[in-house]
Amino acid sequence: MEAVLMLKGFKEFIMRGNVVDLAVAVVIGGAFALVVKAIVDGLINPLIAAIFGKPDISGVLSFTINRSEFSIGLILQAVLNFLFVAAAIYFVIVMPLNKLAERRARGQEPEPDPLTTDQQLLTEIRDFLRERS
């Protein structure tokens, strides 16, 4: 009996919208990270190599004091990578979604059609079955 209750609780946990949304966000985030990495490796780093003569700036402004390595370039590279990721997210995801929201607010973008009778009936059946399980 206890196992059945645990499985039912687990099922409810998995079926929550926020768990599924989080899983989708992780997968999309991983895929998007690959896109950003490709942009950095295929475009940005070659530009840096053309300017500084090195594949990235992590080795620029490096020096040694008492056998301790200091690298200002490593810090600059991390900051630049962060800025590239932030810019890519802003220009590819945030800005287009904001524009879409503005259009919808002005009434230029049609709102989704209301549910048909069949869709309403199926929604009611789904909700009823969800309550019974």
C-alpha atoms as a PDB file:
ATOM      1  CA  MET A   1       0.000   0.000   0.000  1.00  0.00           C
ATOM      2  CA  GLU A   2       2.813   2.374   0.902  1.00  0.00           C
ATOM      3  CA  ALA A   3       4.560   1.665  -2.397  1.00  0.00           C
ATOM      4  CA  VAL A   4       1.375   2.523  -4.296  1.00  0.00           C
ATOM      5  CA  LEU A   5       1.131   5.862  -2.470  1.00  0.00           C
ATOM      6  CA  MET A   6       4.787   6.599  -3.189  1.00  0.00           C
ATOM      7  CA  LEU A   7       4.321   5.820  -6.882  1.00  0.00           C
ATOM      8  CA  LYS A   8       1.200   7.991  -7.001  1.00  0.00           C
ATOM      9  CA  GLY A   9       3.099  10.857  -5.353  1.00  0.00           C
ATOM     10  CA  PHE A  10       5.973  10.390  -7.792  1.00  0.00           C
ATOM     11  CA  LYS A  11       3.546  10.428 -10.729  1.00  0.00           C
ATOM     12  CA  GLU A  12       1.995  13.682  -9.481  1.00  0.00           C
ATOM     13  CA  PHE A  13       5.459  15.202  -9.045  1.00  0.00           C
ATOM     14  CA  ILE A  14       6.538  14.262 -12.565  1.00  0.00           C
ATOM     15  CA  MET A  15       3.295  15.465 -14.139  1.00  0.00           C
ATOM     16  CA  ARG A  16       3.569  18.950 -12.647  1.00  0.00           C
ATOM     17  CA  GLY A  17       4.077  21.558 -15.318  1.00  0.00           C
ATOM     18  CA  ASN A  18       7.102  23.173 -13.697  1.00  0.00           C
ATOM     19  CA  VAL A  19       9.086  19.909 -13.645  1.00  0.00           C
ATOM     20  CA  VAL A  20       8.459  19.346 -17.339  1.00  0.00           C
ATOM     21  CA  ASP A  21       9.239  23.002 -18.101  1.00  0.00           C
ATOM     22  CA  LEU A  22      12.500  22.727 -16.181  1.00  0.00           C
ATOM     23  CA  ALA A  23      13.490  19.582 -18.079  1.00  0.00           C
ATOM     24  CA  VAL A  24      12.767  21.293 -21.403  1.00  0.00           C
ATOM     25  CA  ALA A  25      14.747  24.358 -20.303  1.00  0.00           C
ATOM     26  CA  VAL A  26      17.784  22.226 -19.428  1.00  0.00           C
ATOM     27  CA  VAL A  27      17.723  20.446 -22.784  1.00  0.00           C
ATOM     28  CA  ILE A  28      17.235  23.673 -24.744  1.00  0.00           C
ATOM     29  CA  GLY A  29      19.929  25.372 -22.659  1.00  0.00           C
ATOM     30  CA  GLY A  30      22.385  22.611 -23.481  1.00  0.00           C
ATOM     31  CA  ALA A  31      21.621  22.842 -27.187  1.00  0.00           C
ATOM     32  CA  PHE A  32      21.876  26.624 -27.102  1.00  0.00           C
ATOM     33  CA  ALA A  33      25.235  26.397 -25.310  1.00  0.00           C
ATOM     34  CA  LEU A  34      26.544  24.394 -28.261  1.00  0.00           C
ATOM     35  CA  VAL A  35      25.372  27.100 -30.665  1.00  0.00           C
ATOM     36  CA  VAL A  36      27.075  29.829 -28.623  1.00  0.00           C
ATOM     37  CA  LYS A  37      30.258  27.746 -28.365  1.00  0.00           C
ATOM     38  CA  ALA A  38      30.269  27.305 -32.146  1.00  0.00           C
ATOM     39  CA  ILE A  39      29.902  31.069 -32.627  1.00  0.00           C
ATOM     40  CA  VAL A  40      32.733  31.765 -30.197  1.00  0.00           C
ATOM     41  CA  ASP A  41      35.028  29.068 -31.630  1.00  0.00           C
ATOM     42  CA  GLY A  42      34.190  29.673 -35.274  1.00  0.00           C
ATOM     43  CA  LEU A  43      33.904  33.471 -35.389  1.00  0.00           C
ATOM     44  CA  ILE A  44      35.008  35.329 -32.278  1.00  0.00           C
ATOM     45  CA  ASN A  45      38.207  33.436 -31.447  1.00  0.00           C
ATOM     46  CA  PRO A  46      39.507  33.619 -35.044  1.00  0.00           C
ATOM     47  CA  LEU A  47      38.923  37.395 -34.952  1.00  0.00           C
ATOM     48  CA  ILE A  48      40.866  37.601 -31.704  1.00  0.00           C
ATOM     49  CA  ALA A  49      43.611  35.444 -33.228  1.00  0.00           C
ATOM     50  CA  ALA A  50      43.807  37.821 -36.195  1.00  0.00           C
ATOM     51  CA  ILE A  51      44.167  40.828 -33.874  1.00  0.00           C
ATOM     52  CA  PHE A  52      46.412  39.449 -31.111  1.00  0.00           C
ATOM     53  CA  GLY A  53      48.156  36.643 -32.990  1.00  0.00           C
ATOM     54  CA  LYS A  54      46.846  34.053 -30.482  1.00  0.00           C
ATOM     55  CA  PRO A  55      43.750  31.791 -30.678  1.00  0.00           C
ATOM     56  CA  ASP A  56      42.210  33.495 -27.646  1.00  0.00           C
ATOM     57  CA  ILE A  57      43.194  36.192 -25.199  1.00  0.00           C
ATOM     58  CA  SER A  58      43.661  33.885 -22.204  1.00  0.00           C
ATOM     59  CA  GLY A  59      47.438  34.031 -22.739  1.00  0.00           C
ATOM     60  CA  VAL A  60      47.586  37.799 -23.197  1.00  0.00           C
ATOM     61  CA  LEU A  61      48.996  39.839 -20.304  1.00  0.00           C
ATOM     62  CA  SER A  62      50.386  36.808 -18.488  1.00  0.00           C
ATOM     63  CA  PHE A  63      53.320  37.178 -16.136  1.00  0.00           C
ATOM     64  CA  THR A  64      55.132  35.249 -13.424  1.00  0.00           C
ATOM     65  CA  ILE A  65      56.121  36.406  -9.952  1.00  0.00           C
ATOM     66  CA  ASN A  66      57.957  33.964  -7.683  1.00  0.00           C
ATOM     67  CA  ARG A  67      56.887  31.015  -9.856  1.00  0.00           C
ATOM     68  CA  SER A  68      53.211  32.064  -9.596  1.00  0.00           C
ATOM     69  CA  GLU A  69      51.409  32.519 -12.905  1.00  0.00           C
ATOM     70  CA  PHE A  70      49.127  35.538 -13.270  1.00  0.00           C
ATOM     71  CA  SER A  71      46.862  35.865 -16.297  1.00  0.00           C
ATOM     72  CA  ILE A  72      44.795  38.974 -16.889  1.00  0.00           C
ATOM     73  CA  GLY A  73      43.890  37.521 -20.292  1.00  0.00           C
ATOM     74  CA  LEU A  74      42.242  34.512 -18.674  1.00  0.00           C
ATOM     75  CA  ILE A  75      39.931  36.839 -16.745  1.00  0.00           C
ATOM     76  CA  LEU A  76      39.236  38.904 -19.864  1.00  0.00           C
ATOM     77  CA  GLN A  77      38.447  35.724 -21.838  1.00  0.00           C
ATOM     78  CA  ALA A  78      35.918  34.609 -19.193  1.00  0.00           C
ATOM     79  CA  VAL A  79      34.284  38.062 -19.178  1.00  0.00           C
ATOM     80  CA  LEU A  80      34.110  38.115 -22.983  1.00  0.00           C
ATOM     81  CA  ASN A  81      32.608  34.614 -23.075  1.00  0.00           C
ATOM     82  CA  PHE A  82      29.975  35.702 -20.557  1.00  0.00           C
ATOM     83  CA  LEU A  83      29.170  38.788 -22.643  1.00  0.00           C
ATOM     84  CA  PHE A  84      28.919  36.682 -25.823  1.00  0.00           C
ATOM     85  CA  VAL A  85      26.483  34.281 -24.155  1.00  0.00           C
ATOM     86  CA  ALA A  86      24.432  37.119 -22.674  1.00  0.00           C
ATOM     87  CA  ALA A  87      24.312  38.946 -26.027  1.00  0.00           C
ATOM     88  CA  ALA A  88      23.297  35.795 -27.880  1.00  0.00           C
ATOM     89  CA  ILE A  89      20.504  35.080 -25.400  1.00  0.00           C
ATOM     90  CA  TYR A  90      19.303  38.679 -25.545  1.00  0.00           C
ATOM     91  CA  PHE A  91      19.338  39.072 -29.331  1.00  0.00           C
ATOM     92  CA  VAL A  92      18.124  35.565 -30.210  1.00  0.00           C
ATOM     93  CA  ILE A  93      15.557  34.923 -27.462  1.00  0.00           C
ATOM     94  CA  VAL A  94      14.664  37.929 -25.293  1.00  0.00           C
ATOM     95  CA  MET A  95      14.380  40.667 -27.932  1.00  0.00           C
ATOM     96  CA  PRO A  96      12.202  38.668 -30.382  1.00  0.00           C
ATOM     97  CA  LEU A  97       9.888  37.564 -27.565  1.00  0.00           C
ATOM     98  CA  ASN A  98       9.587  41.157 -26.331  1.00  0.00           C
ATOM     99  CA  LYS A  99       8.715  42.310 -29.866  1.00  0.00           C
ATOM    100  CA  LEU A 100       6.096  39.577 -30.133  1.00  0.00           C
ATOM    101  CA  ALA A 101       4.604  40.600 -26.777  1.00  0.00           C
ATOM    102  CA  GLU A 102       4.465  44.252 -27.951  1.00  0.00           C
ATOM    103  CA  ARG A 103       2.668  43.232 -31.155  1.00  0.00           C
ATOM    104  CA  ARG A 104       0.149  41.198 -29.208  1.00  0.00           C
ATOM    105  CA  ALA A 105      -0.421  44.104 -26.822  1.00  0.00           C
ATOM    106  CA  ARG A 106      -1.097  46.412 -29.783  1.00  0.00           C
ATOM    107  CA  GLY A 107      -3.381  43.810 -31.351  1.00  0.00           C
ATOM    108  CA  GLN A 108      -1.185  43.219 -34.405  1.00  0.00           C
ATOM    109  CA  GLU A 109      -0.584  39.568 -33.647  1.00  0.00           C
ATOM    110  CA  PRO A 110      -3.734  37.459 -33.512  1.00  0.00           C
ATOM    111  CA  GLU A 111      -4.396  35.740 -30.228  1.00  0.00           C
ATOM    112  CA  PRO A 112      -4.745  31.972 -30.335  1.00  0.00           C
ATOM    113  CA  ASP A 113      -8.177  30.769 -31.389  1.00  0.00           C
ATOM    114  CA  PRO A 114     -10.505  29.751 -28.571  1.00  0.00           C
ATOM    115  CA  LEU A 115     -10.962  26.042 -27.999  1.00  0.00           C
ATOM    116  CA  THR A 116     -13.436  24.255 -30.221  1.00  0.00           C
ATOM    117  CA  THR A 117     -16.269  22.246 -28.682  1.00  0.00           C
ATOM    118  CA  ASP A 118     -14.310  19.020 -29.227  1.00  0.00           C
ATOM    119  CA  GLN A 119     -11.232  20.480 -27.574  1.00  0.00           C
ATOM    120  CA  GLN A 120     -13.270  21.709 -24.611  1.00  0.00           C
ATOM    121  CA  LEU A 121     -14.828  18.262 -24.202  1.00  0.00           C
ATOM    122  CA  LEU A 122     -11.426  16.558 -24.361  1.00  0.00           C
ATOM    123  CA  THR A 123     -10.071  19.022 -21.792  1.00  0.00           C
ATOM    124  CA  GLU A 124     -12.948  18.230 -19.442  1.00  0.00           C
ATOM    125  CA  ILE A 125     -12.382  14.487 -19.884  1.00  0.00           C
ATOM    126  CA  ARG A 126      -8.664  14.887 -19.191  1.00  0.00           C
ATOM    127  CA  ASP A 127      -9.337  16.935 -16.056  1.00  0.00           C
ATOM    128  CA  PHE A 128     -11.922  14.414 -14.857  1.00  0.00           C
ATOM    129  CA  LEU A 129      -9.507  11.511 -15.340  1.00  0.00           C
ATOM    130  CA  ARG A 130      -6.745  13.429 -13.594  1.00  0.00           C
ATOM    131  CA  GLU A 131      -9.001  13.954 -10.547  1.00  0.00           C
ATOM    132  CA  ARG A 132      -9.866  10.253 -10.346  1.00  0.00           C
ATOM    133  CA  SER A 133      -6.297   8.970 -10.443  1.00  0.00           C
END
